Amino acid sequence: MASSKEYLDFIIEQLSELEEMSYRPMMGEYILYYRGRIIGGIYDNRLLLKPVKVVMDQLGQTRLERPYEGAKEMILIKDIEDKSCLIRLIKEMYEVLPAPKVKKKA
């Protein structure tokens, strides 16, 4: 099942206070970026974030789910209504995510 544009729009609105938030459609789902770094995505109308320690520590009891068969597990964010919590998680997560790799030109 592909994610709906309405769900994507809701999540983007929840994160609207974050500058440089973006997304890219990928095979019916959406990859989410913050300041150029992948933070997670929307899969089957679920917000999933990369399983970084700072997020897992803050959420306490976290539920890990696979975005699709064969993928690595990610953190399922259940409380998508708490805008300030989402923003805080992503800001803190950004600090520990590696910088994107620079692609070499052929």
PDB file of N, CA and C in Angstrom:
ATOM      1  N   MET A   1       0.839  -1.186   0.000  1.00  0.00           N
ATOM      2  CA  MET A   1       0.000   0.000   0.000  1.00  0.00           C
ATOM      3  C   MET A   1       0.884   1.249   0.000  1.00  0.00           C
ATOM      4  N   ALA A   2       0.648   2.137  -0.897  1.00  0.00           N
ATOM      5  CA  ALA A   2       1.398   3.388  -0.968  1.00  0.00           C
ATOM      6  C   ALA A   2       0.850   4.388   0.051  1.00  0.00           C
ATOM      7  N   SER A   3       1.700   5.309   0.449  1.00  0.00           N
ATOM      8  CA  SER A   3       1.275   6.359   1.375  1.00  0.00           C
ATOM      9  C   SER A   3       0.496   7.422   0.631  1.00  0.00           C
ATOM     10  N   SER A   4      -0.435   8.039   1.334  1.00  0.00           N
ATOM     11  CA  SER A   4      -1.263   9.073   0.703  1.00  0.00           C
ATOM     12  C   SER A   4      -0.577  10.436   0.768  1.00  0.00           C
ATOM     13  N   LYS A   5      -0.901  11.260  -0.199  1.00  0.00           N
ATOM     14  CA  LYS A   5      -0.381  12.634  -0.231  1.00  0.00           C
ATOM     15  C   LYS A   5      -0.932  13.405   0.967  1.00  0.00           C
ATOM     16  N   GLU A   6      -2.148  13.080   1.399  1.00  0.00           N
ATOM     17  CA  GLU A   6      -2.750  13.752   2.558  1.00  0.00           C
ATOM     18  C   GLU A   6      -1.942  13.482   3.831  1.00  0.00           C
ATOM     19  N   TYR A   7      -1.496  12.236   4.015  1.00  0.00           N
ATOM     20  CA  TYR A   7      -0.692  11.906   5.196  1.00  0.00           C
ATOM     21  C   TYR A   7       0.642  12.643   5.133  1.00  0.00           C
ATOM     22  N   LEU A   8       1.278  12.644   3.962  1.00  0.00           N
ATOM     23  CA  LEU A   8       2.528  13.385   3.783  1.00  0.00           C
ATOM     24  C   LEU A   8       2.317  14.855   4.122  1.00  0.00           C
ATOM     25  N   ASP A   9       1.269  15.462   3.580  1.00  0.00           N
ATOM     26  CA  ASP A   9       1.000  16.883   3.839  1.00  0.00           C
ATOM     27  C   ASP A   9       0.819  17.150   5.327  1.00  0.00           C
ATOM     28  N   PHE A  10       0.143  16.246   6.032  1.00  0.00           N
ATOM     29  CA  PHE A  10      -0.059  16.411   7.476  1.00  0.00           C
ATOM     30  C   PHE A  10       1.291  16.394   8.207  1.00  0.00           C
ATOM     31  N   ILE A  11       2.141  15.432   7.872  1.00  0.00           N
ATOM     32  CA  ILE A  11       3.451  15.337   8.535  1.00  0.00           C
ATOM     33  C   ILE A  11       4.295  16.567   8.213  1.00  0.00           C
ATOM     34  N   ILE A  12       4.315  16.985   6.970  1.00  0.00           N
ATOM     35  CA  ILE A  12       5.089  18.178   6.590  1.00  0.00           C
ATOM     36  C   ILE A  12       4.563  19.408   7.327  1.00  0.00           C
ATOM     37  N   GLU A  13       3.257  19.510   7.494  1.00  0.00           N
ATOM     38  CA  GLU A  13       2.676  20.624   8.253  1.00  0.00           C
ATOM     39  C   GLU A  13       3.118  20.552   9.720  1.00  0.00           C
ATOM     40  N   GLN A  14       3.140  19.360  10.286  1.00  0.00           N
ATOM     41  CA  GLN A  14       3.583  19.197  11.678  1.00  0.00           C
ATOM     42  C   GLN A  14       5.033  19.653  11.850  1.00  0.00           C
ATOM     43  N   LEU A  15       5.822  19.512  10.804  1.00  0.00           N
ATOM     44  CA  LEU A  15       7.247  19.858  10.860  1.00  0.00           C
ATOM     45  C   LEU A  15       7.549  21.204  10.207  1.00  0.00           C
ATOM     46  N   SER A  16       6.518  21.992   9.952  1.00  0.00           N
ATOM     47  CA  SER A  16       6.674  23.239   9.198  1.00  0.00           C
ATOM     48  C   SER A  16       7.571  24.276   9.886  1.00  0.00           C
ATOM     49  N   GLU A  17       7.766  24.171  11.187  1.00  0.00           N
ATOM     50  CA  GLU A  17       8.648  25.115  11.880  1.00  0.00           C
ATOM     51  C   GLU A  17      10.122  24.831  11.606  1.00  0.00           C
ATOM     52  N   LEU A  18      10.421  23.653  11.087  1.00  0.00           N
ATOM     53  CA  LEU A  18      11.796  23.307  10.754  1.00  0.00           C
ATOM     54  C   LEU A  18      12.133  23.834   9.361  1.00  0.00           C
ATOM     55  N   GLU A  19      13.137  24.687   9.299  1.00  0.00           N
ATOM     56  CA  GLU A  19      13.581  25.148   7.991  1.00  0.00           C
ATOM     57  C   GLU A  19      14.357  24.022   7.325  1.00  0.00           C
ATOM     58  N   GLU A  20      14.333  24.013   6.028  1.00  0.00           N
ATOM     59  CA  GLU A  20      15.076  23.024   5.242  1.00  0.00           C
ATOM     60  C   GLU A  20      14.549  21.598   5.398  1.00  0.00           C
ATOM     61  N   MET A  21      13.274  21.456   5.678  1.00  0.00           N
ATOM     62  CA  MET A  21      12.626  20.148   5.683  1.00  0.00           C
ATOM     63  C   MET A  21      12.223  19.857   4.249  1.00  0.00           C
ATOM     64  N   SER A  22      12.485  18.667   3.764  1.00  0.00           N
ATOM     65  CA  SER A  22      12.091  18.324   2.399  1.00  0.00           C
ATOM     66  C   SER A  22      11.780  16.832   2.314  1.00  0.00           C
ATOM     67  N   TYR A  23      11.279  16.435   1.167  1.00  0.00           N
ATOM     68  CA  TYR A  23      10.966  15.022   0.959  1.00  0.00           C
ATOM     69  C   TYR A  23      11.189  14.690  -0.503  1.00  0.00           C
ATOM     70  N   ARG A  24      11.286  13.393  -0.757  1.00  0.00           N
ATOM     71  CA  ARG A  24      11.423  12.915  -2.131  1.00  0.00           C
ATOM     72  C   ARG A  24      10.551  11.684  -2.288  1.00  0.00           C
ATOM     73  N   PRO A  25       9.671  11.680  -3.286  1.00  0.00           N
ATOM     74  CA  PRO A  25       8.860  10.481  -3.512  1.00  0.00           C
ATOM     75  C   PRO A  25       9.739   9.324  -3.975  1.00  0.00           C
ATOM     76  N   MET A  26       9.434   8.137  -3.477  1.00  0.00           N
ATOM     77  CA  MET A  26      10.201   6.963  -3.861  1.00  0.00           C
ATOM     78  C   MET A  26       9.271   5.761  -3.855  1.00  0.00           C
ATOM     79  N   MET A  27       8.887   5.300  -5.036  1.00  0.00           N
ATOM     80  CA  MET A  27       8.094   4.086  -5.200  1.00  0.00           C
ATOM     81  C   MET A  27       6.815   4.083  -4.351  1.00  0.00           C
ATOM     82  N   GLY A  28       6.080   5.184  -4.379  1.00  0.00           N
ATOM     83  CA  GLY A  28       4.820   5.272  -3.654  1.00  0.00           C
ATOM     84  C   GLY A  28       4.956   5.672  -2.202  1.00  0.00           C
ATOM     85  N   GLU A  29       6.179   5.860  -1.749  1.00  0.00           N
ATOM     86  CA  GLU A  29       6.438   6.276  -0.373  1.00  0.00           C
ATOM     87  C   GLU A  29       7.230   7.589  -0.427  1.00  0.00           C
ATOM     88  N   TYR A  30       7.669   8.089   0.737  1.00  0.00           N
ATOM     89  CA  TYR A  30       8.372   9.371   0.775  1.00  0.00           C
ATOM     90  C   TYR A  30       9.566   9.289   1.721  1.00  0.00           C
ATOM     91  N   ILE A  31      10.718   9.709   1.234  1.00  0.00           N
ATOM     92  CA  ILE A  31      11.920   9.816   2.058  1.00  0.00           C
ATOM     93  C   ILE A  31      11.937  11.239   2.613  1.00  0.00           C
ATOM     94  N   LEU A  32      12.167  11.372   3.927  1.00  0.00           N
ATOM     95  CA  LEU A  32      12.181  12.686   4.572  1.00  0.00           C
ATOM     96  C   LEU A  32      13.615  13.127   4.844  1.00  0.00           C
ATOM     97  N   TYR A  33      13.872  14.400   4.565  1.00  0.00           N
ATOM     98  CA  TYR A  33      15.188  14.994   4.762  1.00  0.00           C
ATOM     99  C   TYR A  33      15.060  16.214   5.665  1.00  0.00           C
ATOM    100  N   TYR A  34      16.062  16.393   6.511  1.00  0.00           N
ATOM    101  CA  TYR A  34      16.179  17.626   7.280  1.00  0.00           C
ATOM    102  C   TYR A  34      17.582  18.159   7.054  1.00  0.00           C
ATOM    103  N   ARG A  35      17.658  19.348   6.497  1.00  0.00           N
ATOM    104  CA  ARG A  35      18.931  19.993   6.188  1.00  0.00           C
ATOM    105  C   ARG A  35      19.853  19.071   5.387  1.00  0.00           C
ATOM    106  N   GLY A  36      19.253  18.362   4.435  1.00  0.00           N
ATOM    107  CA  GLY A  36      20.008  17.512   3.520  1.00  0.00           C
ATOM    108  C   GLY A  36      20.317  16.114   4.015  1.00  0.00           C
ATOM    109  N   ARG A  37      19.961  15.804   5.252  1.00  0.00           N
ATOM    110  CA  ARG A  37      20.227  14.478   5.810  1.00  0.00           C
ATOM    111  C   ARG A  37      18.935  13.674   5.900  1.00  0.00           C
ATOM    112  N   ILE A  38      19.015  12.409   5.533  1.00  0.00           N
ATOM    113  CA  ILE A  38      17.841  11.539   5.626  1.00  0.00           C
ATOM    114  C   ILE A  38      17.547  11.269   7.094  1.00  0.00           C
ATOM    115  N   ILE A  39      16.308  11.558   7.492  1.00  0.00           N
ATOM    116  CA  ILE A  39      15.909  11.315   8.884  1.00  0.00           C
ATOM    117  C   ILE A  39      14.958  10.134   9.001  1.00  0.00           C
ATOM    118  N   GLY A  40      14.348   9.754   7.891  1.00  0.00           N
ATOM    119  CA  GLY A  40      13.387   8.658   7.918  1.00  0.00           C
ATOM    120  C   GLY A  40      12.484   8.745   6.704  1.00  0.00           C
ATOM    121  N   GLY A  41      11.244   8.329   6.886  1.00  0.00           N
ATOM    122  CA  GLY A  41      10.331   8.366   5.762  1.00  0.00           C
ATOM    123  C   GLY A  41       8.907   8.057   6.167  1.00  0.00           C
ATOM    124  N   ILE A  42       8.063   8.124   5.177  1.00  0.00           N
ATOM    125  CA  ILE A  42       6.664   7.778   5.350  1.00  0.00           C
ATOM    126  C   ILE A  42       6.422   6.532   4.514  1.00  0.00           C
ATOM    127  N   TYR A  43       6.012   5.476   5.188  1.00  0.00           N
ATOM    128  CA  TYR A  43       5.792   4.181   4.561  1.00  0.00           C
ATOM    129  C   TYR A  43       4.426   3.655   4.999  1.00  0.00           C
ATOM    130  N   ASP A  44       3.571   3.352   4.067  1.00  0.00           N
ATOM    131  CA  ASP A  44       2.237   2.840   4.378  1.00  0.00           C
ATOM    132  C   ASP A  44       1.526   3.728   5.403  1.00  0.00           C
ATOM    133  N   ASN A  45       1.614   5.031   5.188  1.00  0.00           N
ATOM    134  CA  ASN A  45       1.008   6.021   6.094  1.00  0.00           C
ATOM    135  C   ASN A  45       1.475   5.851   7.542  1.00  0.00           C
ATOM    136  N   ARG A  46       2.758   5.572   7.693  1.00  0.00           N
ATOM    137  CA  ARG A  46       3.403   5.506   9.016  1.00  0.00           C
ATOM    138  C   ARG A  46       4.643   6.384   8.963  1.00  0.00           C
ATOM    139  N   LEU A  47       4.875   7.174  10.013  1.00  0.00           N
ATOM    140  CA  LEU A  47       6.097   7.960  10.125  1.00  0.00           C
ATOM    141  C   LEU A  47       7.146   7.088  10.805  1.00  0.00           C
ATOM    142  N   LEU A  48       8.219   6.801  10.078  1.00  0.00           N
ATOM    143  CA  LEU A  48       9.311   5.992  10.603  1.00  0.00           C
ATOM    144  C   LEU A  48      10.590   6.810  10.574  1.00  0.00           C
ATOM    145  N   LEU A  49      11.301   6.834  11.702  1.00  0.00           N
ATOM    146  CA  LEU A  49      12.566   7.558  11.791  1.00  0.00           C
ATOM    147  C   LEU A  49      13.722   6.585  11.939  1.00  0.00           C
ATOM    148  N   LYS A  50      14.896   7.051  11.526  1.00  0.00           N
ATOM    149  CA  LYS A  50      16.090   6.226  11.677  1.00  0.00           C
ATOM    150  C   LYS A  50      16.273   5.882  13.155  1.00  0.00           C
ATOM    151  N   PRO A  51      16.724   4.677  13.451  1.00  0.00           N
ATOM    152  CA  PRO A  51      16.850   4.252  14.850  1.00  0.00           C
ATOM    153  C   PRO A  51      18.142   4.750  15.498  1.00  0.00           C
ATOM    154  N   VAL A  52      18.204   6.041  15.777  1.00  0.00           N
ATOM    155  CA  VAL A  52      19.371   6.601  16.448  1.00  0.00           C
ATOM    156  C   VAL A  52      19.127   6.631  17.959  1.00  0.00           C
ATOM    157  N   LYS A  53      20.201   6.504  18.705  1.00  0.00           N
ATOM    158  CA  LYS A  53      20.117   6.373  20.160  1.00  0.00           C
ATOM    159  C   LYS A  53      19.375   7.541  20.817  1.00  0.00           C
ATOM    160  N   VAL A  54      19.645   8.753  20.381  1.00  0.00           N
ATOM    161  CA  VAL A  54      19.028   9.917  21.016  1.00  0.00           C
ATOM    162  C   VAL A  54      17.494   9.868  20.913  1.00  0.00           C
ATOM    163  N   VAL A  55      16.974   9.403  19.808  1.00  0.00           N
ATOM    164  CA  VAL A  55      15.522   9.290  19.641  1.00  0.00           C
ATOM    165  C   VAL A  55      14.994   8.140  20.488  1.00  0.00           C
ATOM    166  N   MET A  56      15.676   7.008  20.448  1.00  0.00           N
ATOM    167  CA  MET A  56      15.222   5.848  21.217  1.00  0.00           C
ATOM    168  C   MET A  56      15.228   6.144  22.715  1.00  0.00           C
ATOM    169  N   ASP A  57      16.247   6.872  23.179  1.00  0.00           N
ATOM    170  CA  ASP A  57      16.320   7.223  24.600  1.00  0.00           C
ATOM    171  C   ASP A  57      15.162   8.134  25.005  1.00  0.00           C
ATOM    172  N   GLN A  58      14.826   9.075  24.158  1.00  0.00           N
ATOM    173  CA  GLN A  58      13.756  10.021  24.492  1.00  0.00           C
ATOM    174  C   GLN A  58      12.379   9.369  24.480  1.00  0.00           C
ATOM    175  N   LEU A  59      12.188   8.448  23.564  1.00  0.00           N
ATOM    176  CA  LEU A  59      10.870   7.823  23.448  1.00  0.00           C
ATOM    177  C   LEU A  59      10.662   6.692  24.445  1.00  0.00           C
ATOM    178  N   GLY A  60      11.745   6.212  25.026  1.00  0.00           N
ATOM    179  CA  GLY A  60      11.616   5.121  25.980  1.00  0.00           C
ATOM    180  C   GLY A  60      11.198   3.837  25.291  1.00  0.00           C
ATOM    181  N   GLN A  61       9.974   3.442  25.488  1.00  0.00           N
ATOM    182  CA  GLN A  61       9.451   2.212  24.891  1.00  0.00           C
ATOM    183  C   GLN A  61       9.181   2.473  23.404  1.00  0.00           C
ATOM    184  N   THR A  62      10.119   2.056  22.563  1.00  0.00           N
ATOM    185  CA  THR A  62       9.948   2.294  21.133  1.00  0.00           C
ATOM    186  C   THR A  62       9.551   1.021  20.412  1.00  0.00           C
ATOM    187  N   ARG A  63       8.839   1.205  19.346  1.00  0.00           N
ATOM    188  CA  ARG A  63       8.431   0.081  18.520  1.00  0.00           C
ATOM    189  C   ARG A  63       9.167   0.185  17.192  1.00  0.00           C
ATOM    190  N   LEU A  64       9.913  -0.858  16.872  1.00  0.00           N
ATOM    191  CA  LEU A  64      10.645  -0.872  15.615  1.00  0.00           C
ATOM    192  C   LEU A  64       9.861  -1.641  14.567  1.00  0.00           C
ATOM    193  N   GLU A  65       9.801  -1.076  13.384  1.00  0.00           N
ATOM    194  CA  GLU A  65       9.107  -1.728  12.281  1.00  0.00           C
ATOM    195  C   GLU A  65       9.929  -1.570  11.011  1.00  0.00           C
ATOM    196  N   ARG A  66       9.715  -2.494  10.101  1.00  0.00           N
ATOM    197  CA  ARG A  66      10.389  -2.424   8.802  1.00  0.00           C
ATOM    198  C   ARG A  66       9.499  -1.627   7.844  1.00  0.00           C
ATOM    199  N   PRO A  67      10.107  -0.675   7.131  1.00  0.00           N
ATOM    200  CA  PRO A  67       9.308   0.094   6.174  1.00  0.00           C
ATOM    201  C   PRO A  67       8.782  -0.780   5.037  1.00  0.00           C
ATOM    202  N   TYR A  68       9.549  -1.803   4.692  1.00  0.00           N
ATOM    203  CA  TYR A  68       9.158  -2.760   3.652  1.00  0.00           C
ATOM    204  C   TYR A  68       9.983  -4.019   3.865  1.00  0.00           C
ATOM    205  N   GLU A  69       9.565  -5.097   3.266  1.00  0.00           N
ATOM    206  CA  GLU A  69      10.221  -6.394   3.429  1.00  0.00           C
ATOM    207  C   GLU A  69      11.705  -6.300   3.064  1.00  0.00           C
ATOM    208  N   GLY A  70      12.557  -6.774   3.961  1.00  0.00           N
ATOM    209  CA  GLY A  70      13.990  -6.785   3.710  1.00  0.00           C
ATOM    210  C   GLY A  70      14.720  -5.528   4.163  1.00  0.00           C
ATOM    211  N   ALA A  71      14.001  -4.517   4.592  1.00  0.00           N
ATOM    212  CA  ALA A  71      14.629  -3.263   5.033  1.00  0.00           C
ATOM    213  C   ALA A  71      15.050  -3.357   6.497  1.00  0.00           C
ATOM    214  N   LYS A  72      15.935  -2.451   6.894  1.00  0.00           N
ATOM    215  CA  LYS A  72      16.328  -2.353   8.300  1.00  0.00           C
ATOM    216  C   LYS A  72      15.169  -1.770   9.099  1.00  0.00           C
ATOM    217  N   GLU A  73      15.100  -2.146  10.360  1.00  0.00           N
ATOM    218  CA  GLU A  73      14.034  -1.638  11.223  1.00  0.00           C
ATOM    219  C   GLU A  73      14.236  -0.155  11.514  1.00  0.00           C
ATOM    220  N   MET A  74      13.113   0.525  11.655  1.00  0.00           N
ATOM    221  CA  MET A  74      13.100   1.946  11.972  1.00  0.00           C
ATOM    222  C   MET A  74      12.122   2.171  13.120  1.00  0.00           C
ATOM    223  N   ILE A  75      12.215   3.353  13.732  1.00  0.00           N
ATOM    224  CA  ILE A  75      11.351   3.687  14.862  1.00  0.00           C
ATOM    225  C   ILE A  75       9.994   4.167  14.357  1.00  0.00           C
ATOM    226  N   LEU A  76       8.939   3.510  14.794  1.00  0.00           N
ATOM    227  CA  LEU A  76       7.583   3.939  14.474  1.00  0.00           C
ATOM    228  C   LEU A  76       7.209   5.070  15.429  1.00  0.00           C
ATOM    229  N   ILE A  77       6.846   6.216  14.870  1.00  0.00           N
ATOM    230  CA  ILE A  77       6.407   7.355  15.679  1.00  0.00           C
ATOM    231  C   ILE A  77       4.880   7.318  15.713  1.00  0.00           C
ATOM    232  N   LYS A  78       4.361   6.987  16.871  1.00  0.00           N
ATOM    233  CA  LYS A  78       2.910   6.865  17.019  1.00  0.00           C
ATOM    234  C   LYS A  78       2.241   8.205  17.253  1.00  0.00           C
ATOM    235  N   ASP A  79       2.861   9.057  18.096  1.00  0.00           N
ATOM    236  CA  ASP A  79       2.242  10.326  18.458  1.00  0.00           C
ATOM    237  C   ASP A  79       2.644  11.406  17.455  1.00  0.00           C
ATOM    238  N   ILE A  80       1.975  11.420  16.324  1.00  0.00           N
ATOM    239  CA  ILE A  80       2.288  12.411  15.290  1.00  0.00           C
ATOM    240  C   ILE A  80       1.552  13.723  15.532  1.00  0.00           C
ATOM    241  N   GLU A  81       0.702  13.751  16.543  1.00  0.00           N
ATOM    242  CA  GLU A  81      -0.053  14.970  16.865  1.00  0.00           C
ATOM    243  C   GLU A  81       0.782  15.960  17.676  1.00  0.00           C
ATOM    244  N   ASP A  82       1.799  15.477  18.394  1.00  0.00           N
ATOM    245  CA  ASP A  82       2.620  16.328  19.266  1.00  0.00           C
ATOM    246  C   ASP A  82       3.710  17.003  18.442  1.00  0.00           C
ATOM    247  N   LYS A  83       3.364  18.142  17.892  1.00  0.00           N
ATOM    248  CA  LYS A  83       4.236  18.891  16.994  1.00  0.00           C
ATOM    249  C   LYS A  83       5.583  19.243  17.639  1.00  0.00           C
ATOM    250  N   SER A  84       5.558  19.759  18.855  1.00  0.00           N
ATOM    251  CA  SER A  84       6.803  20.189  19.514  1.00  0.00           C
ATOM    252  C   SER A  84       7.725  18.998  19.785  1.00  0.00           C
ATOM    253  N   CYS A  85       7.156  17.865  20.123  1.00  0.00           N
ATOM    254  CA  CYS A  85       7.961  16.661  20.361  1.00  0.00           C
ATOM    255  C   CYS A  85       8.619  16.200  19.061  1.00  0.00           C
ATOM    256  N   LEU A  86       7.877  16.174  17.973  1.00  0.00           N
ATOM    257  CA  LEU A  86       8.432  15.779  16.676  1.00  0.00           C
ATOM    258  C   LEU A  86       9.589  16.685  16.276  1.00  0.00           C
ATOM    259  N   ILE A  87       9.398  17.976  16.423  1.00  0.00           N
ATOM    260  CA  ILE A  87      10.426  18.941  16.046  1.00  0.00           C
ATOM    261  C   ILE A  87      11.678  18.750  16.900  1.00  0.00           C
ATOM    262  N   ARG A  88      11.494  18.574  18.205  1.00  0.00           N
ATOM    263  CA  ARG A  88      12.632  18.364  19.106  1.00  0.00           C
ATOM    264  C   ARG A  88      13.398  17.096  18.733  1.00  0.00           C
ATOM    265  N   LEU A  89      12.677  16.009  18.473  1.00  0.00           N
ATOM    266  CA  LEU A  89      13.327  14.750  18.096  1.00  0.00           C
ATOM    267  C   LEU A  89      14.179  14.917  16.843  1.00  0.00           C
ATOM    268  N   ILE A  90      13.640  15.586  15.854  1.00  0.00           N
ATOM    269  CA  ILE A  90      14.360  15.732  14.590  1.00  0.00           C
ATOM    270  C   ILE A  90      15.567  16.641  14.737  1.00  0.00           C
ATOM    271  N   LYS A  91      15.442  17.715  15.497  1.00  0.00           N
ATOM    272  CA  LYS A  91      16.595  18.600  15.720  1.00  0.00           C
ATOM    273  C   LYS A  91      17.722  17.852  16.429  1.00  0.00           C
ATOM    274  N   GLU A  92      17.381  17.077  17.455  1.00  0.00           N
ATOM    275  CA  GLU A  92      18.397  16.340  18.188  1.00  0.00           C
ATOM    276  C   GLU A  92      18.979  15.210  17.351  1.00  0.00           C
ATOM    277  N   MET A  93      18.147  14.582  16.558  1.00  0.00           N
ATOM    278  CA  MET A  93      18.581  13.511  15.685  1.00  0.00           C
ATOM    279  C   MET A  93      19.585  14.022  14.652  1.00  0.00           C
ATOM    280  N   TYR A  94      19.331  15.208  14.130  1.00  0.00           N
ATOM    281  CA  TYR A  94      20.184  15.796  13.100  1.00  0.00           C
ATOM    282  C   TYR A  94      21.640  15.895  13.573  1.00  0.00           C
ATOM    283  N   GLU A  95      21.805  16.223  14.842  1.00  0.00           N
ATOM    284  CA  GLU A  95      23.152  16.415  15.387  1.00  0.00           C
ATOM    285  C   GLU A  95      24.005  15.146  15.344  1.00  0.00           C
ATOM    286  N   VAL A  96      23.390  13.982  15.366  1.00  0.00           N
ATOM    287  CA  VAL A  96      24.164  12.734  15.405  1.00  0.00           C
ATOM    288  C   VAL A  96      24.163  11.980  14.072  1.00  0.00           C
ATOM    289  N   LEU A  97      23.394  12.457  13.100  1.00  0.00           N
ATOM    290  CA  LEU A  97      23.373  11.788  11.797  1.00  0.00           C
ATOM    291  C   LEU A  97      24.622  12.153  10.993  1.00  0.00           C
ATOM    292  N   PRO A  98      25.163  11.183  10.264  1.00  0.00           N
ATOM    293  CA  PRO A  98      26.330  11.507   9.439  1.00  0.00           C
ATOM    294  C   PRO A  98      25.952  12.423   8.289  1.00  0.00           C
ATOM    295  N   ALA A  99      26.916  13.231   7.855  1.00  0.00           N
ATOM    296  CA  ALA A  99      26.693  14.097   6.702  1.00  0.00           C
ATOM    297  C   ALA A  99      26.523  13.242   5.462  1.00  0.00           C
ATOM    298  N   PRO A 100      25.729  13.707   4.500  1.00  0.00           N
ATOM    299  CA  PRO A 100      25.569  12.927   3.281  1.00  0.00           C
ATOM    300  C   PRO A 100      26.891  12.767   2.543  1.00  0.00           C
ATOM    301  N   LYS A 101      27.065  11.646   1.911  1.00  0.00           N
ATOM    302  CA  LYS A 101      28.282  11.402   1.154  1.00  0.00           C
ATOM    303  C   LYS A 101      28.252  12.212  -0.135  1.00  0.00           C
ATOM    304  N   VAL A 102      29.390  12.791  -0.470  1.00  0.00           N
ATOM    305  CA  VAL A 102      29.499  13.567  -1.691  1.00  0.00           C
ATOM    306  C   VAL A 102      29.671  12.596  -2.858  1.00  0.00           C
ATOM    307  N   LYS A 103      28.811  12.757  -3.855  1.00  0.00           N
ATOM    308  CA  LYS A 103      28.888  11.877  -5.017  1.00  0.00           C
ATOM    309  C   LYS A 103      30.000  12.358  -5.942  1.00  0.00           C
ATOM    310  N   LYS A 104      30.812  11.421  -6.384  1.00  0.00           N
ATOM    311  CA  LYS A 104      31.898  11.758  -7.312  1.00  0.00           C
ATOM    312  C   LYS A 104      31.347  11.801  -8.718  1.00  0.00           C
ATOM    313  N   LYS A 105      31.801  12.782  -9.477  1.00  0.00           N
ATOM    314  CA  LYS A 105      31.376  12.883 -10.875  1.00  0.00           C
ATOM    315  C   LYS A 105      32.281  12.005 -11.728  1.00  0.00           C
ATOM    316  N   ALA A 106      31.676  11.316 -12.664  1.00  0.00           N
ATOM    317  CA  ALA A 106      32.440  10.400 -13.518  1.00  0.00           C
ATOM    318  C   ALA A 106      33.199  11.131 -14.578  1.00  0.00           C
TER     319      ALA A 106
END
